[in-house]
């Protein structure tokens, strides 16, 4: 192999959301990786569906990126 063209490939400890850990090898920087999603809590594996509050998302978007007129109407309605 050519020198100085390959990334550093080192052991990495992976911690899953359910508390299990295992050691693998990776090119990621750092010695540990913590995952928030795994097969014990992902909806695809659990069969439980997560409902998203789309109305809340729309209102948040309007507050953040909406026009000044929409913001003043919203404030007037709140009072």
Protein backbone atom coordinates (compact mmCIF):
# COMPACT_ATOMS: atom_id res chain seq x y z
CA UNK A 1 0.00 0.00 0.00
CA UNK A 2 1.07 3.55 -0.60
CA UNK A 3 2.03 5.53 2.45
CA UNK A 4 0.09 8.57 3.69
CA UNK A 5 -2.96 8.14 1.44
CA UNK A 6 -5.16 6.00 3.71
CA UNK A 7 -7.23 7.34 6.63
CA UNK A 8 -6.51 6.36 10.20
CA UNK A 9 -8.41 3.10 10.87
CA UNK A 10 -8.67 2.51 14.60
CA UNK A 11 -10.90 0.77 17.21
CA UNK A 12 -14.13 2.58 18.09
CA UNK A 13 -16.50 1.84 20.99
CA UNK A 14 -20.16 2.16 19.98
CA UNK A 15 -22.82 2.75 22.67
CA UNK A 16 -26.41 2.08 21.65
CA UNK A 17 -29.55 3.67 23.10
CA UNK A 18 -30.42 0.54 25.09
CA UNK A 19 -27.07 0.59 26.88
CA UNK A 20 -25.24 -2.12 24.95
CA UNK A 21 -21.74 -1.43 23.73
CA UNK A 22 -19.44 -3.08 21.23
CA UNK A 23 -16.05 -2.39 19.70
CA UNK A 24 -15.56 -2.07 15.97
CA UNK A 25 -13.04 -0.38 13.70
CA UNK A 26 -13.70 2.93 11.99
CA UNK A 27 -12.18 5.98 10.34
CA UNK A 28 -14.28 8.32 12.52
CA UNK A 29 -12.38 10.72 14.71
CA UNK A 30 -12.58 9.95 18.40
CA UNK A 31 -12.62 6.74 20.40
CA UNK A 32 -16.35 6.49 21.17
CA UNK A 33 -19.67 6.93 19.39
CA UNK A 34 -23.08 7.18 21.06
CA UNK A 35 -26.18 6.34 19.04
CA UNK A 36 -29.63 7.66 19.94
CA UNK A 37 -31.47 5.32 17.56
CA UNK A 38 -31.14 1.56 17.31
CA UNK A 39 -33.37 -1.47 16.71
CA UNK A 40 -34.86 -1.27 20.23
CA UNK A 41 -36.40 2.18 19.73
CA UNK A 42 -36.69 2.77 15.97
CA UNK A 43 -40.30 2.72 14.68
CA UNK A 44 -39.42 0.37 11.80
CA UNK A 45 -38.34 -2.36 14.21
CA UNK A 46 -40.78 -1.70 17.06
CA UNK A 47 -43.87 -1.31 14.89
CA UNK A 48 -44.92 1.78 16.83
CA UNK A 49 -45.63 4.81 14.76
CA UNK A 50 -44.58 8.27 15.87
CA UNK A 51 -47.08 10.98 15.08
CA UNK A 52 -45.67 14.35 14.14
CA UNK A 53 -47.48 17.52 15.10
CA UNK A 54 -47.60 19.10 11.63
CA UNK A 55 -49.69 22.05 12.77
CA UNK A 56 -47.00 22.91 15.31
CA UNK A 57 -44.35 22.70 12.63
CA UNK A 58 -46.29 25.03 10.35
CA UNK A 59 -46.76 27.59 13.11
CA UNK A 60 -43.08 27.38 14.03
CA UNK A 61 -42.13 27.92 10.39
CA UNK A 62 -44.46 30.90 10.09
CA UNK A 63 -43.06 32.45 13.26
CA UNK A 64 -39.50 32.00 12.08
CA UNK A 65 -39.77 32.85 8.38
CA UNK A 66 -43.19 34.49 8.00
CA UNK A 67 -43.72 38.06 6.98
CA UNK A 68 -43.99 40.93 9.45
CA UNK A 69 -47.72 41.24 8.70
CA UNK A 70 -48.34 37.62 9.67
CA UNK A 71 -46.37 38.09 12.87
CA UNK A 72 -48.35 41.19 13.89
CA UNK A 73 -51.66 39.42 13.13
CA UNK A 74 -50.58 36.54 15.33
CA UNK A 75 -49.63 38.89 18.16
CA UNK A 76 -52.96 40.71 17.88
CA UNK A 77 -54.86 37.42 17.99
CA UNK A 78 -52.94 36.36 21.10
CA UNK A 79 -53.96 39.53 22.96
